[in-house]
Amino acid sequence: MLSKIKRSNYRLKILKYLQDIGEPRTPTEISSKTDISRSHVSRTLGNLKDSNLVEVLNPDAHYDRRYRITEKGTKIIEKIKEIQEE
């Protein structure tokens, strides 16, 4: 899992953003703050959700779904930071 995240700049950037902000965000908000297109953000969030690295707080909403990083996602980001500091 760790290598999969490290290989994808989008995954890493989105996870770091969600961890840093500490609050749920919509794909549009994430897109504007990370300079990743909204379509890429949405697709990446779907992949991260499937890996249990982010969760959707309002899954029944068709628009303005809010995502936050999970504990598993936070642990992955912390591990990547440790490796980068070595």
PDB file of N, CA and C in Angstrom:
ATOM      1  N   MET A   1       0.835  -1.198   0.000  1.00  0.00           N
ATOM      2  CA  MET A   1       0.000   0.000   0.000  1.00  0.00           C
ATOM      3  C   MET A   1       0.874   1.254   0.000  1.00  0.00           C
ATOM      4  N   LEU A   2       1.917   1.246   0.814  1.00  0.00           N
ATOM      5  CA  LEU A   2       2.790   2.407   0.940  1.00  0.00           C
ATOM      6  C   LEU A   2       3.413   2.774  -0.404  1.00  0.00           C
ATOM      7  N   SER A   3       3.909   1.769  -1.121  1.00  0.00           N
ATOM      8  CA  SER A   3       4.549   2.055  -2.410  1.00  0.00           C
ATOM      9  C   SER A   3       3.537   2.567  -3.434  1.00  0.00           C
ATOM     10  N   LYS A   4       2.305   2.082  -3.353  1.00  0.00           N
ATOM     11  CA  LYS A   4       1.251   2.539  -4.269  1.00  0.00           C
ATOM     12  C   LYS A   4       0.974   4.026  -4.059  1.00  0.00           C
ATOM     13  N   ILE A   5       0.950   4.464  -2.805  1.00  0.00           N
ATOM     14  CA  ILE A   5       0.715   5.875  -2.488  1.00  0.00           C
ATOM     15  C   ILE A   5       1.910   6.713  -2.925  1.00  0.00           C
ATOM     16  N   LYS A   6       3.109   6.237  -2.646  1.00  0.00           N
ATOM     17  CA  LYS A   6       4.316   6.994  -2.998  1.00  0.00           C
ATOM     18  C   LYS A   6       4.458   7.174  -4.505  1.00  0.00           C
ATOM     19  N   ARG A   7       3.969   6.199  -5.283  1.00  0.00           N
ATOM     20  CA  ARG A   7       4.082   6.279  -6.742  1.00  0.00           C
ATOM     21  C   ARG A   7       3.099   7.258  -7.361  1.00  0.00           C
ATOM     22  N   SER A   8       2.057   7.599  -6.644  1.00  0.00           N
ATOM     23  CA  SER A   8       1.031   8.482  -7.196  1.00  0.00           C
ATOM     24  C   SER A   8       1.089   9.850  -6.536  1.00  0.00           C
ATOM     25  N   ASN A   9       1.513  10.845  -7.307  1.00  0.00           N
ATOM     26  CA  ASN A   9       1.559  12.208  -6.772  1.00  0.00           C
ATOM     27  C   ASN A   9       0.181  12.691  -6.358  1.00  0.00           C
ATOM     28  N   TYR A  10      -0.845  12.312  -7.125  1.00  0.00           N
ATOM     29  CA  TYR A  10      -2.204  12.745  -6.792  1.00  0.00           C
ATOM     30  C   TYR A  10      -2.644  12.175  -5.451  1.00  0.00           C
ATOM     31  N   ARG A  11      -2.463  10.884  -5.263  1.00  0.00           N
ATOM     32  CA  ARG A  11      -2.871  10.263  -3.996  1.00  0.00           C
ATOM     33  C   ARG A  11      -2.148  10.908  -2.822  1.00  0.00           C
ATOM     34  N   LEU A  12      -0.858  11.048  -2.968  1.00  0.00           N
ATOM     35  CA  LEU A  12      -0.046  11.613  -1.894  1.00  0.00           C
ATOM     36  C   LEU A  12      -0.447  13.055  -1.598  1.00  0.00           C
ATOM     37  N   LYS A  13      -0.614  13.844  -2.630  1.00  0.00           N
ATOM     38  CA  LYS A  13      -0.968  15.254  -2.462  1.00  0.00           C
ATOM     39  C   LYS A  13      -2.335  15.415  -1.795  1.00  0.00           C
ATOM     40  N   ILE A  14      -3.306  14.604  -2.209  1.00  0.00           N
ATOM     41  CA  ILE A  14      -4.655  14.687  -1.638  1.00  0.00           C
ATOM     42  C   ILE A  14      -4.649  14.230  -0.185  1.00  0.00           C
ATOM     43  N   LEU A  15      -3.975  13.128   0.103  1.00  0.00           N
ATOM     44  CA  LEU A  15      -3.913  12.659   1.492  1.00  0.00           C
ATOM     45  C   LEU A  15      -3.226  13.675   2.396  1.00  0.00           C
ATOM     46  N   LYS A  16      -2.116  14.233   1.930  1.00  0.00           N
ATOM     47  CA  LYS A  16      -1.411  15.246   2.731  1.00  0.00           C
ATOM     48  C   LYS A  16      -2.300  16.459   2.968  1.00  0.00           C
ATOM     49  N   TYR A  17      -3.011  16.890   1.942  1.00  0.00           N
ATOM     50  CA  TYR A  17      -3.897  18.044   2.097  1.00  0.00           C
ATOM     51  C   TYR A  17      -4.978  17.758   3.135  1.00  0.00           C
ATOM     52  N   LEU A  18      -5.633  16.609   3.029  1.00  0.00           N
ATOM     53  CA  LEU A  18      -6.699  16.275   3.979  1.00  0.00           C
ATOM     54  C   LEU A  18      -6.158  16.148   5.402  1.00  0.00           C
ATOM     55  N   GLN A  19      -4.953  15.625   5.529  1.00  0.00           N
ATOM     56  CA  GLN A  19      -4.358  15.530   6.866  1.00  0.00           C
ATOM     57  C   GLN A  19      -4.031  16.924   7.404  1.00  0.00           C
ATOM     58  N   ASP A  20      -3.428  17.758   6.588  1.00  0.00           N
ATOM     59  CA  ASP A  20      -3.033  19.104   7.025  1.00  0.00           C
ATOM     60  C   ASP A  20      -4.234  19.966   7.392  1.00  0.00           C
ATOM     61  N   ILE A  21      -5.295  19.889   6.601  1.00  0.00           N
ATOM     62  CA  ILE A  21      -6.462  20.743   6.831  1.00  0.00           C
ATOM     63  C   ILE A  21      -7.265  20.246   8.030  1.00  0.00           C
ATOM     64  N   GLY A  22      -7.285  18.940   8.242  1.00  0.00           N
ATOM     65  CA  GLY A  22      -7.928  18.376   9.422  1.00  0.00           C
ATOM     66  C   GLY A  22      -9.449  18.427   9.446  1.00  0.00           C
ATOM     67  N   GLU A  23     -10.053  18.795   8.333  1.00  0.00           N
ATOM     68  CA  GLU A  23     -11.514  18.882   8.245  1.00  0.00           C
ATOM     69  C   GLU A  23     -11.970  18.277   6.925  1.00  0.00           C
ATOM     70  N   PRO A  24     -13.197  17.766   6.890  1.00  0.00           N
ATOM     71  CA  PRO A  24     -13.716  17.203   5.637  1.00  0.00           C
ATOM     72  C   PRO A  24     -13.784  18.264   4.535  1.00  0.00           C
ATOM     73  N   ARG A  25     -13.540  17.830   3.314  1.00  0.00           N
ATOM     74  CA  ARG A  25     -13.566  18.732   2.167  1.00  0.00           C
ATOM     75  C   ARG A  25     -14.257  18.057   0.985  1.00  0.00           C
ATOM     76  N   THR A  26     -14.802  18.876   0.099  1.00  0.00           N
ATOM     77  CA  THR A  26     -15.425  18.376  -1.127  1.00  0.00           C
ATOM     78  C   THR A  26     -14.349  18.231  -2.212  1.00  0.00           C
ATOM     79  N   PRO A  27     -14.629  17.444  -3.254  1.00  0.00           N
ATOM     80  CA  PRO A  27     -13.672  17.347  -4.353  1.00  0.00           C
ATOM     81  C   PRO A  27     -13.339  18.710  -4.972  1.00  0.00           C
ATOM     82  N   THR A  28     -14.313  19.594  -5.066  1.00  0.00           N
ATOM     83  CA  THR A  28     -14.067  20.930  -5.621  1.00  0.00           C
ATOM     84  C   THR A  28     -13.085  21.706  -4.754  1.00  0.00           C
ATOM     85  N   GLU A  29     -13.269  21.654  -3.446  1.00  0.00           N
ATOM     86  CA  GLU A  29     -12.353  22.347  -2.529  1.00  0.00           C
ATOM     87  C   GLU A  29     -10.949  21.751  -2.615  1.00  0.00           C
ATOM     88  N   ILE A  30     -10.878  20.438  -2.658  1.00  0.00           N
ATOM     89  CA  ILE A  30      -9.576  19.768  -2.748  1.00  0.00           C
ATOM     90  C   ILE A  30      -8.893  20.147  -4.055  1.00  0.00           C
ATOM     91  N   SER A  31      -9.649  20.156  -5.137  1.00  0.00           N
ATOM     92  CA  SER A  31      -9.107  20.510  -6.443  1.00  0.00           C
ATOM     93  C   SER A  31      -8.516  21.915  -6.448  1.00  0.00           C
ATOM     94  N   SER A  32      -9.237  22.862  -5.888  1.00  0.00           N
ATOM     95  CA  SER A  32      -8.765  24.251  -5.916  1.00  0.00           C
ATOM     96  C   SER A  32      -7.524  24.454  -5.049  1.00  0.00           C
ATOM     97  N   LYS A  33      -7.374  23.682  -3.999  1.00  0.00           N
ATOM     98  CA  LYS A  33      -6.225  23.852  -3.100  1.00  0.00           C
ATOM     99  C   LYS A  33      -5.001  23.041  -3.513  1.00  0.00           C
ATOM    100  N   THR A  34      -5.206  22.002  -4.310  1.00  0.00           N
ATOM    101  CA  THR A  34      -4.084  21.147  -4.700  1.00  0.00           C
ATOM    102  C   THR A  34      -3.664  21.328  -6.155  1.00  0.00           C
ATOM    103  N   ASP A  35      -4.409  22.128  -6.907  1.00  0.00           N
ATOM    104  CA  ASP A  35      -4.140  22.325  -8.338  1.00  0.00           C
ATOM    105  C   ASP A  35      -4.183  21.017  -9.130  1.00  0.00           C
ATOM    106  N   ILE A  36      -5.083  20.136  -8.723  1.00  0.00           N
ATOM    107  CA  ILE A  36      -5.355  18.900  -9.455  1.00  0.00           C
ATOM    108  C   ILE A  36      -6.767  19.051 -10.014  1.00  0.00           C
ATOM    109  N   SER A  37      -6.967  18.654 -11.264  1.00  0.00           N
ATOM    110  CA  SER A  37      -8.297  18.820 -11.862  1.00  0.00           C
ATOM    111  C   SER A  37      -9.349  18.081 -11.041  1.00  0.00           C
ATOM    112  N   ARG A  38     -10.568  18.610 -11.090  1.00  0.00           N
ATOM    113  CA  ARG A  38     -11.638  18.016 -10.291  1.00  0.00           C
ATOM    114  C   ARG A  38     -11.887  16.565 -10.683  1.00  0.00           C
ATOM    115  N   SER A  39     -11.794  16.262 -11.968  1.00  0.00           N
ATOM    116  CA  SER A  39     -12.029  14.879 -12.402  1.00  0.00           C
ATOM    117  C   SER A  39     -10.969  13.931 -11.839  1.00  0.00           C
ATOM    118  N   HIS A  40      -9.713  14.378 -11.819  1.00  0.00           N
ATOM    119  CA  HIS A  40      -8.650  13.556 -11.229  1.00  0.00           C
ATOM    120  C   HIS A  40      -8.842  13.418  -9.721  1.00  0.00           C
ATOM    121  N   VAL A  41      -9.254  14.496  -9.067  1.00  0.00           N
ATOM    122  CA  VAL A  41      -9.504  14.437  -7.625  1.00  0.00           C
ATOM    123  C   VAL A  41     -10.608  13.429  -7.331  1.00  0.00           C
ATOM    124  N   SER A  42     -11.701  13.498  -8.070  1.00  0.00           N
ATOM    125  CA  SER A  42     -12.825  12.584  -7.840  1.00  0.00           C
ATOM    126  C   SER A  42     -12.415  11.131  -8.048  1.00  0.00           C
ATOM    127  N   ARG A  43     -11.688  10.874  -9.115  1.00  0.00           N
ATOM    128  CA  ARG A  43     -11.233   9.511  -9.405  1.00  0.00           C
ATOM    129  C   ARG A  43     -10.272   9.021  -8.321  1.00  0.00           C
ATOM    130  N   THR A  44      -9.355   9.882  -7.914  1.00  0.00           N
ATOM    131  CA  THR A  44      -8.378   9.516  -6.890  1.00  0.00           C
ATOM    132  C   THR A  44      -9.050   9.288  -5.546  1.00  0.00           C
ATOM    133  N   LEU A  45     -10.022  10.129  -5.202  1.00  0.00           N
ATOM    134  CA  LEU A  45     -10.755   9.929  -3.948  1.00  0.00           C
ATOM    135  C   LEU A  45     -11.479   8.587  -3.952  1.00  0.00           C
ATOM    136  N   GLY A  46     -12.019   8.195  -5.089  1.00  0.00           N
ATOM    137  CA  GLY A  46     -12.662   6.885  -5.196  1.00  0.00           C
ATOM    138  C   GLY A  46     -11.682   5.756  -4.915  1.00  0.00           C
ATOM    139  N   ASN A  47     -10.478   5.868  -5.471  1.00  0.00           N
ATOM    140  CA  ASN A  47      -9.437   4.860  -5.217  1.00  0.00           C
ATOM    141  C   ASN A  47      -9.011   4.853  -3.756  1.00  0.00           C
ATOM    142  N   LEU A  48      -8.847   6.042  -3.187  1.00  0.00           N
ATOM    143  CA  LEU A  48      -8.455   6.141  -1.776  1.00  0.00           C
ATOM    144  C   LEU A  48      -9.550   5.586  -0.871  1.00  0.00           C
ATOM    145  N   LYS A  49     -10.793   5.823  -1.244  1.00  0.00           N
ATOM    146  CA  LYS A  49     -11.927   5.294  -0.467  1.00  0.00           C
ATOM    147  C   LYS A  49     -11.938   3.770  -0.523  1.00  0.00           C
ATOM    148  N   ASP A  50     -11.714   3.211  -1.703  1.00  0.00           N
ATOM    149  CA  ASP A  50     -11.679   1.754  -1.855  1.00  0.00           C
ATOM    150  C   ASP A  50     -10.568   1.124  -1.014  1.00  0.00           C
ATOM    151  N   SER A  51      -9.507   1.879  -0.766  1.00  0.00           N
ATOM    152  CA  SER A  51      -8.387   1.401   0.055  1.00  0.00           C
ATOM    153  C   SER A  51      -8.542   1.771   1.526  1.00  0.00           C
ATOM    154  N   ASN A  52      -9.686   2.354   1.866  1.00  0.00           N
ATOM    155  CA  ASN A  52      -9.980   2.785   3.249  1.00  0.00           C
ATOM    156  C   ASN A  52      -8.998   3.832   3.779  1.00  0.00           C
ATOM    157  N   LEU A  53      -8.506   4.687   2.886  1.00  0.00           N
ATOM    158  CA  LEU A  53      -7.598   5.759   3.297  1.00  0.00           C
ATOM    159  C   LEU A  53      -8.339   7.072   3.489  1.00  0.00           C
ATOM    160  N   VAL A  54      -9.500   7.192   2.854  1.00  0.00           N
ATOM    161  CA  VAL A  54     -10.407   8.317   3.092  1.00  0.00           C
ATOM    162  C   VAL A  54     -11.809   7.748   3.257  1.00  0.00           C
ATOM    163  N   GLU A  55     -12.683   8.544   3.853  1.00  0.00           N
ATOM    164  CA  GLU A  55     -14.076   8.138   3.987  1.00  0.00           C
ATOM    165  C   GLU A  55     -14.977   9.281   3.559  1.00  0.00           C
ATOM    166  N   VAL A  56     -16.169   8.904   3.091  1.00  0.00           N
ATOM    167  CA  VAL A  56     -17.175   9.886   2.688  1.00  0.00           C
ATOM    168  C   VAL A  56     -18.121  10.070   3.864  1.00  0.00           C
ATOM    169  N   LEU A  57     -18.325  11.319   4.263  1.00  0.00           N
ATOM    170  CA  LEU A  57     -19.190  11.584   5.405  1.00  0.00           C
ATOM    171  C   LEU A  57     -20.664  11.605   5.026  1.00  0.00           C
ATOM    172  N   ASN A  58     -20.958  11.929   3.784  1.00  0.00           N
ATOM    173  CA  ASN A  58     -22.351  11.983   3.326  1.00  0.00           C
ATOM    174  C   ASN A  58     -22.488  11.197   2.013  1.00  0.00           C
ATOM    175  N   PRO A  59     -22.400   9.866   2.084  1.00  0.00           N
ATOM    176  CA  PRO A  59     -22.368   9.048   0.863  1.00  0.00           C
ATOM    177  C   PRO A  59     -23.628   9.123   0.007  1.00  0.00           C
ATOM    178  N   ASP A  60     -24.745   9.530   0.573  1.00  0.00           N
ATOM    179  CA  ASP A  60     -25.980   9.614  -0.205  1.00  0.00           C
ATOM    180  C   ASP A  60     -26.072  10.888  -1.042  1.00  0.00           C
ATOM    181  N   ALA A  61     -25.213  11.840  -0.791  1.00  0.00           N
ATOM    182  CA  ALA A  61     -25.221  13.098  -1.545  1.00  0.00           C
ATOM    183  C   ALA A  61     -24.642  12.860  -2.941  1.00  0.00           C
ATOM    184  N   HIS A  62     -25.295  13.427  -3.935  1.00  0.00           N
ATOM    185  CA  HIS A  62     -24.773  13.321  -5.297  1.00  0.00           C
ATOM    186  C   HIS A  62     -23.787  14.448  -5.589  1.00  0.00           C
ATOM    187  N   TYR A  63     -23.952  15.552  -4.905  1.00  0.00           N
ATOM    188  CA  TYR A  63     -23.059  16.698  -5.055  1.00  0.00           C
ATOM    189  C   TYR A  63     -22.532  17.072  -3.676  1.00  0.00           C
ATOM    190  N   ASP A  64     -21.400  17.683  -3.667  1.00  0.00           N
ATOM    191  CA  ASP A  64     -20.797  18.162  -2.420  1.00  0.00           C
ATOM    192  C   ASP A  64     -20.568  17.065  -1.392  1.00  0.00           C
ATOM    193  N   ARG A  65     -20.135  15.900  -1.865  1.00  0.00           N
ATOM    194  CA  ARG A  65     -19.719  14.866  -0.915  1.00  0.00           C
ATOM    195  C   ARG A  65     -18.505  15.376  -0.162  1.00  0.00           C
ATOM    196  N   ARG A  66     -18.453  15.068   1.106  1.00  0.00           N
ATOM    197  CA  ARG A  66     -17.363  15.536   1.949  1.00  0.00           C
ATOM    198  C   ARG A  66     -16.490  14.351   2.344  1.00  0.00           C
ATOM    199  N   TYR A  67     -15.198  14.505   2.118  1.00  0.00           N
ATOM    200  CA  TYR A  67     -14.233  13.443   2.383  1.00  0.00           C
ATOM    201  C   TYR A  67     -13.292  13.860   3.502  1.00  0.00           C
ATOM    202  N   ARG A  68     -12.873  12.851   4.283  1.00  0.00           N
ATOM    203  CA  ARG A  68     -11.827  13.099   5.276  1.00  0.00           C
ATOM    204  C   ARG A  68     -10.898  11.895   5.297  1.00  0.00           C
ATOM    205  N   ILE A  69      -9.692  12.142   5.745  1.00  0.00           N
ATOM    206  CA  ILE A  69      -8.696  11.085   5.839  1.00  0.00           C
ATOM    207  C   ILE A  69      -9.045  10.173   7.011  1.00  0.00           C
ATOM    208  N   THR A  70      -8.799   8.881   6.844  1.00  0.00           N
ATOM    209  CA  THR A  70      -9.053   7.919   7.912  1.00  0.00           C
ATOM    210  C   THR A  70      -7.797   7.759   8.768  1.00  0.00           C
ATOM    211  N   GLU A  71      -7.933   7.028   9.847  1.00  0.00           N
ATOM    212  CA  GLU A  71      -6.770   6.735  10.692  1.00  0.00           C
ATOM    213  C   GLU A  71      -5.717   5.969   9.889  1.00  0.00           C
ATOM    214  N   LYS A  72      -6.168   5.037   9.061  1.00  0.00           N
ATOM    215  CA  LYS A  72      -5.247   4.281   8.211  1.00  0.00           C
ATOM    216  C   LYS A  72      -4.511   5.221   7.256  1.00  0.00           C
ATOM    217  N   GLY A  73      -5.229   6.169   6.667  1.00  0.00           N
ATOM    218  CA  GLY A  73      -4.610   7.141   5.772  1.00  0.00           C
ATOM    219  C   GLY A  73      -3.589   8.003   6.484  1.00  0.00           C
ATOM    220  N   THR A  74      -3.917   8.409   7.704  1.00  0.00           N
ATOM    221  CA  THR A  74      -2.992   9.216   8.502  1.00  0.00           C
ATOM    222  C   THR A  74      -1.722   8.435   8.805  1.00  0.00           C
ATOM    223  N   LYS A  75      -1.860   7.163   9.147  1.00  0.00           N
ATOM    224  CA  LYS A  75      -0.684   6.329   9.439  1.00  0.00           C
ATOM    225  C   LYS A  75       0.208   6.182   8.212  1.00  0.00           C
ATOM    226  N   ILE A  76      -0.404   6.038   7.045  1.00  0.00           N
ATOM    227  CA  ILE A  76       0.365   5.924   5.801  1.00  0.00           C
ATOM    228  C   ILE A  76       1.155   7.206   5.550  1.00  0.00           C
ATOM    229  N   ILE A  77       0.515   8.355   5.705  1.00  0.00           N
ATOM    230  CA  ILE A  77       1.195   9.639   5.485  1.00  0.00           C
ATOM    231  C   ILE A  77       2.340   9.815   6.476  1.00  0.00           C
ATOM    232  N   GLU A  78       2.116   9.472   7.736  1.00  0.00           N
ATOM    233  CA  GLU A  78       3.176   9.587   8.749  1.00  0.00           C
ATOM    234  C   GLU A  78       4.359   8.697   8.390  1.00  0.00           C
ATOM    235  N   LYS A  79       4.094   7.493   7.916  1.00  0.00           N
ATOM    236  CA  LYS A  79       5.164   6.571   7.527  1.00  0.00           C
ATOM    237  C   LYS A  79       5.947   7.134   6.341  1.00  0.00           C
ATOM    238  N   ILE A  80       5.256   7.710   5.379  1.00  0.00           N
ATOM    239  CA  ILE A  80       5.929   8.310   4.222  1.00  0.00           C
ATOM    240  C   ILE A  80       6.810   9.470   4.669  1.00  0.00           C
ATOM    241  N   LYS A  81       6.317  10.291   5.583  1.00  0.00           N
ATOM    242  CA  LYS A  81       7.113  11.412   6.099  1.00  0.00           C
ATOM    243  C   LYS A  81       8.378  10.908   6.783  1.00  0.00           C
ATOM    244  N   GLU A  82       8.265   9.830   7.554  1.00  0.00           N
ATOM    245  CA  GLU A  82       9.433   9.249   8.225  1.00  0.00           C
ATOM    246  C   GLU A  82      10.470   8.800   7.204  1.00  0.00           C
ATOM    247  N   ILE A  83      10.014   8.125   6.166  1.00  0.00           N
ATOM    248  CA  ILE A  83      10.926   7.630   5.135  1.00  0.00           C
ATOM    249  C   ILE A  83      11.601   8.791   4.413  1.00  0.00           C
ATOM    250  N   GLN A  84      10.852   9.846   4.120  1.00  0.00           N
ATOM    251  CA  GLN A  84      11.409  11.000   3.409  1.00  0.00           C
ATOM    252  C   GLN A  84      12.434  11.747   4.251  1.00  0.00           C
ATOM    253  N   GLU A  85      12.303  11.680   5.566  1.00  0.00           N
ATOM    254  CA  GLU A  85      13.240  12.372   6.453  1.00  0.00           C
ATOM    255  C   GLU A  85      14.555  11.620   6.603  1.00  0.00           C
ATOM    256  N   GLU A  86      14.570  10.333   6.265  1.00  0.00           N
ATOM    257  CA  GLU A  86      15.789   9.526   6.417  1.00  0.00           C
ATOM    258  C   GLU A  86      16.827   9.879   5.390  1.00  0.00           C
TER     259      GLU A  86
END
